[in-house]
């Protein structure tokens, strides 16, 4: 059985849990990291030298880095659905995974850590406000791309939706004043109709 090591309130673990659930995979999850600890122990570091979550064990294969894991699960269990068969179509999905990492993840991290994981008295409100503006600009890029599309790469969910989808719940939960983004709103509403997304991505923020 697939083993997922990581706490379920990590955005990177959420991607993997949501992907596995969309694929109908049986898996066993162990709480690691954050309040649970364990990610600094020799046994864990032997599997994941970065000491972060998630780490996945699939038989003898050990993987870390959440987006590599999503790609692996989709490539092995979701060919033609989450993993488009055509290399060009797959690349058009894949690029949004890299876009998230390079551009959207930094301001979303500032917002989340500032508002959820930092005591109010210790918050850098100027940094949080600037991150909200930057995130709004970046989400607007995705909103424009989603014009005429149900999901990031067309009519069905693919690997490209997982990083931005996992972050979307945090954005909609934490940022009240958002730019007008009708296409993004429609996409986010569609995600909210998916049982796997509701189960793994729409949890109380902590």
Foldseek 3Di string as FASTA:
>chain_A
DKEKEEDLQDLLSLLLQLLCVVLVHDYHYDHDDDPVHPLPDPVNCVLPVVSHDIWMDDPPDIDDDSLVNSVVCCVVRPDVAQQDPDPVLNVLLVVLVVCCVVAQVVLLVLQQCQPPVDDVVPHPVVSNVVSLVSNLVVVLVQLVCLVQALASRHDHHYSSRRSVLLSVLSNVVRPDDHPDRVSSVNNNVVLVVDPSCCVRRNDDND
